[in-house]
Amino acid sequence: MTRAPATYSYSVPAWPAIPRRDTRRFWSRLLLFTASLLLVNGLFGERGLLESLRARRAYAAAGEDLARLRRENQALRQHARLLRSDPAAIEAVARGELGLVRAGEILVTVRDLRRTSR
């Protein structure tokens, strides 16, 4: 003979269950929001990635300007040294910029006349 399984009945309480907040969902959303905020600040903030790239470009441009100015300064020093000691350089400046001539030379000035359009 087989025996029929026994059935047990449990009584369900009559009051409603208290809703529980899902704290795991809250913390994960808070963590996601914080990470997003830090990422946006890191990219676009005052000391963010884009500002760092701009600063690097400005630094490189300033370095190139400094190198150009140093080369120009060196050339000017060389020119000044030549003007102090080289008679040919002094003569070239006197002829070119001041229009001076030696004794017995004739100075001929050629100018372009611009036509006036009517």
C-alpha atoms as a PDB file:
ATOM      1  CA  MET A   1       0.000   0.000   0.000  1.00  0.00           C
ATOM      2  CA  THR A   2       1.173   3.361  -0.866  1.00  0.00           C
ATOM      3  CA  ARG A   3       0.650   6.151   1.354  1.00  0.00           C
ATOM      4  CA  ALA A   4      -0.627   9.511   0.162  1.00  0.00           C
ATOM      5  CA  PRO A   5       1.704  12.441   0.780  1.00  0.00           C
ATOM      6  CA  ALA A   6       0.814  14.602   3.663  1.00  0.00           C
ATOM      7  CA  THR A   7      -0.095  18.163   2.837  1.00  0.00           C
ATOM      8  CA  TYR A   8       0.742  20.910   5.188  1.00  0.00           C
ATOM      9  CA  SER A   9      -0.946  24.222   5.172  1.00  0.00           C
ATOM     10  CA  TYR A  10       0.733  27.368   6.279  1.00  0.00           C
ATOM     11  CA  SER A  11      -1.110  30.475   7.168  1.00  0.00           C
ATOM     12  CA  VAL A  12      -0.082  33.726   5.443  1.00  0.00           C
ATOM     13  CA  PRO A  13      -0.024  36.774   7.680  1.00  0.00           C
ATOM     14  CA  ALA A  14      -2.764  39.295   7.026  1.00  0.00           C
ATOM     15  CA  TRP A  15      -0.644  42.460   7.140  1.00  0.00           C
ATOM     16  CA  PRO A  16       1.121  43.690   4.001  1.00  0.00           C
ATOM     17  CA  ALA A  17       4.866  43.274   3.654  1.00  0.00           C
ATOM     18  CA  ILE A  18       6.975  46.367   4.335  1.00  0.00           C
ATOM     19  CA  PRO A  19       8.639  47.488   1.079  1.00  0.00           C
ATOM     20  CA  ARG A  20      12.381  47.232   1.366  1.00  0.00           C
ATOM     21  CA  ARG A  21      14.645  49.633  -0.432  1.00  0.00           C
ATOM     22  CA  ASP A  22      17.093  48.000  -2.750  1.00  0.00           C
ATOM     23  CA  THR A  23      20.304  49.411  -1.321  1.00  0.00           C
ATOM     24  CA  ARG A  24      22.448  47.654  -3.913  1.00  0.00           C
ATOM     25  CA  ARG A  25      20.691  49.513  -6.736  1.00  0.00           C
ATOM     26  CA  PHE A  26      21.083  52.837  -4.904  1.00  0.00           C
ATOM     27  CA  TRP A  27      24.824  52.388  -4.381  1.00  0.00           C
ATOM     28  CA  SER A  28      25.439  51.224  -7.934  1.00  0.00           C
ATOM     29  CA  ARG A  29      23.588  54.256  -9.328  1.00  0.00           C
ATOM     30  CA  LEU A  30      25.465  56.558  -6.996  1.00  0.00           C
ATOM     31  CA  LEU A  31      28.771  55.001  -8.046  1.00  0.00           C
ATOM     32  CA  LEU A  32      27.864  55.338 -11.744  1.00  0.00           C
ATOM     33  CA  PHE A  33      26.871  58.981 -11.278  1.00  0.00           C
ATOM     34  CA  THR A  34      30.094  59.752  -9.403  1.00  0.00           C
ATOM     35  CA  ALA A  35      32.226  58.007 -12.023  1.00  0.00           C
ATOM     36  CA  SER A  36      30.449  59.919 -14.804  1.00  0.00           C
ATOM     37  CA  LEU A  37      30.954  63.193 -12.986  1.00  0.00           C
ATOM     38  CA  LEU A  38      34.670  62.492 -12.494  1.00  0.00           C
ATOM     39  CA  LEU A  39      35.060  61.491 -16.145  1.00  0.00           C
ATOM     40  CA  VAL A  40      33.417  64.675 -17.418  1.00  0.00           C
ATOM     41  CA  ASN A  41      35.492  66.779 -15.025  1.00  0.00           C
ATOM     42  CA  GLY A  42      38.635  64.949 -16.084  1.00  0.00           C
ATOM     43  CA  LEU A  43      37.958  65.661 -19.743  1.00  0.00           C
ATOM     44  CA  PHE A  44      36.514  69.152 -19.688  1.00  0.00           C
ATOM     45  CA  GLY A  45      37.402  70.572 -16.284  1.00  0.00           C
ATOM     46  CA  GLU A  46      39.784  73.370 -15.450  1.00  0.00           C
ATOM     47  CA  ARG A  47      42.721  70.972 -15.272  1.00  0.00           C
ATOM     48  CA  GLY A  48      41.212  68.334 -17.517  1.00  0.00           C
ATOM     49  CA  LEU A  49      42.591  66.476 -20.503  1.00  0.00           C
ATOM     50  CA  LEU A  50      41.619  69.077 -23.101  1.00  0.00           C
ATOM     51  CA  GLU A  51      43.146  71.895 -21.086  1.00  0.00           C
ATOM     52  CA  SER A  52      46.336  69.865 -20.662  1.00  0.00           C
ATOM     53  CA  LEU A  53      46.544  69.360 -24.422  1.00  0.00           C
ATOM     54  CA  ARG A  54      46.066  73.098 -25.006  1.00  0.00           C
ATOM     55  CA  ALA A  55      48.786  73.860 -22.456  1.00  0.00           C
ATOM     56  CA  ARG A  56      51.188  71.421 -24.138  1.00  0.00           C
ATOM     57  CA  ARG A  57      50.547  73.029 -27.533  1.00  0.00           C
ATOM     58  CA  ALA A  58      51.113  76.492 -26.052  1.00  0.00           C
ATOM     59  CA  TYR A  59      54.314  75.281 -24.367  1.00  0.00           C
ATOM     60  CA  ALA A  60      55.611  73.831 -27.651  1.00  0.00           C
ATOM     61  CA  ALA A  61      54.760  77.057 -29.509  1.00  0.00           C
ATOM     62  CA  ALA A  62      56.533  79.128 -26.845  1.00  0.00           C
ATOM     63  CA  GLY A  63      59.580  76.854 -27.139  1.00  0.00           C
ATOM     64  CA  GLU A  64      59.649  77.342 -30.920  1.00  0.00           C
ATOM     65  CA  ASP A  65      59.346  81.117 -30.477  1.00  0.00           C
ATOM     66  CA  LEU A  66      62.178  81.071 -27.957  1.00  0.00           C
ATOM     67  CA  ALA A  67      64.413  79.105 -30.339  1.00  0.00           C
ATOM     68  CA  ARG A  68      63.589  81.509 -33.202  1.00  0.00           C
ATOM     69  CA  LEU A  69      64.331  84.531 -31.013  1.00  0.00           C
ATOM     70  CA  ARG A  70      67.637  83.027 -29.886  1.00  0.00           C
ATOM     71  CA  ARG A  71      68.666  82.454 -33.523  1.00  0.00           C
ATOM     72  CA  GLU A  72      67.645  86.019 -34.394  1.00  0.00           C
ATOM     73  CA  ASN A  73      69.548  87.365 -31.381  1.00  0.00           C
ATOM     74  CA  GLN A  74      72.655  85.425 -32.394  1.00  0.00           C
ATOM     75  CA  ALA A  75      72.420  86.818 -35.944  1.00  0.00           C
ATOM     76  CA  LEU A  76      72.085  90.362 -34.578  1.00  0.00           C
ATOM     77  CA  ARG A  77      75.105  89.848 -32.325  1.00  0.00           C
ATOM     78  CA  GLN A  78      77.108  88.634 -35.314  1.00  0.00           C
ATOM     79  CA  HIS A  79      75.989  91.648 -37.362  1.00  0.00           C
ATOM     80  CA  ALA A  80      76.915  94.054 -34.517  1.00  0.00           C
ATOM     81  CA  ARG A  81      80.332  92.405 -34.166  1.00  0.00           C
ATOM     82  CA  LEU A  82      80.917  92.833 -37.911  1.00  0.00           C
ATOM     83  CA  LEU A  83      79.872  96.491 -37.765  1.00  0.00           C
ATOM     84  CA  ARG A  84      82.359  97.101 -34.964  1.00  0.00           C
ATOM     85  CA  SER A  85      85.324  95.488 -36.689  1.00  0.00           C
ATOM     86  CA  ASP A  86      84.804  94.854 -40.432  1.00  0.00           C
ATOM     87  CA  PRO A  87      85.266  97.876 -42.710  1.00  0.00           C
ATOM     88  CA  ALA A  88      83.493  96.140 -45.613  1.00  0.00           C
ATOM     89  CA  ALA A  89      80.357  95.631 -43.488  1.00  0.00           C
ATOM     90  CA  ILE A  90      80.457  99.265 -42.387  1.00  0.00           C
ATOM     91  CA  GLU A  91      80.787 100.391 -46.006  1.00  0.00           C
ATOM     92  CA  ALA A  92      77.902  98.150 -47.098  1.00  0.00           C
ATOM     93  CA  VAL A  93      75.603  99.663 -44.467  1.00  0.00           C
ATOM     94  CA  ALA A  94      76.735 103.217 -45.333  1.00  0.00           C
ATOM     95  CA  ARG A  95      76.056 102.654 -49.028  1.00  0.00           C
ATOM     96  CA  GLY A  96      72.821 100.700 -48.661  1.00  0.00           C
ATOM     97  CA  GLU A  97      71.005 102.480 -45.862  1.00  0.00           C
ATOM     98  CA  LEU A  98      72.517 105.958 -45.887  1.00  0.00           C
ATOM     99  CA  GLY A  99      73.172 106.318 -49.642  1.00  0.00           C
ATOM    100  CA  LEU A 100      76.760 107.462 -49.163  1.00  0.00           C
ATOM    101  CA  VAL A 101      79.268 107.327 -52.024  1.00  0.00           C
ATOM    102  CA  ARG A 102      83.037 107.482 -52.280  1.00  0.00           C
ATOM    103  CA  ALA A 103      84.823 110.453 -53.693  1.00  0.00           C
ATOM    104  CA  GLY A 104      84.606 110.436 -57.489  1.00  0.00           C
ATOM    105  CA  GLU A 105      81.556 108.099 -57.653  1.00  0.00           C
ATOM    106  CA  ILE A 106      78.239 109.207 -59.092  1.00  0.00           C
ATOM    107  CA  LEU A 107      75.036 108.211 -57.325  1.00  0.00           C
ATOM    108  CA  VAL A 108      72.218 107.195 -59.634  1.00  0.00           C
ATOM    109  CA  THR A 109      68.803 106.686 -58.053  1.00  0.00           C
ATOM    110  CA  VAL A 110      66.209 104.719 -59.979  1.00  0.00           C
ATOM    111  CA  ARG A 111      62.611 104.968 -58.881  1.00  0.00           C
ATOM    112  CA  ASP A 112      59.550 103.221 -60.217  1.00  0.00           C
ATOM    113  CA  LEU A 113      56.821 105.587 -61.249  1.00  0.00           C
ATOM    114  CA  ARG A 114      53.426 104.140 -60.617  1.00  0.00           C
ATOM    115  CA  ARG A 115      50.890 104.990 -63.210  1.00  0.00           C
ATOM    116  CA  THR A 116      47.734 106.512 -61.936  1.00  0.00           C
ATOM    117  CA  SER A 117      44.741 104.637 -63.256  1.00  0.00           C
ATOM    118  CA  ARG A 118      42.067 106.937 -64.676  1.00  0.00           C
END
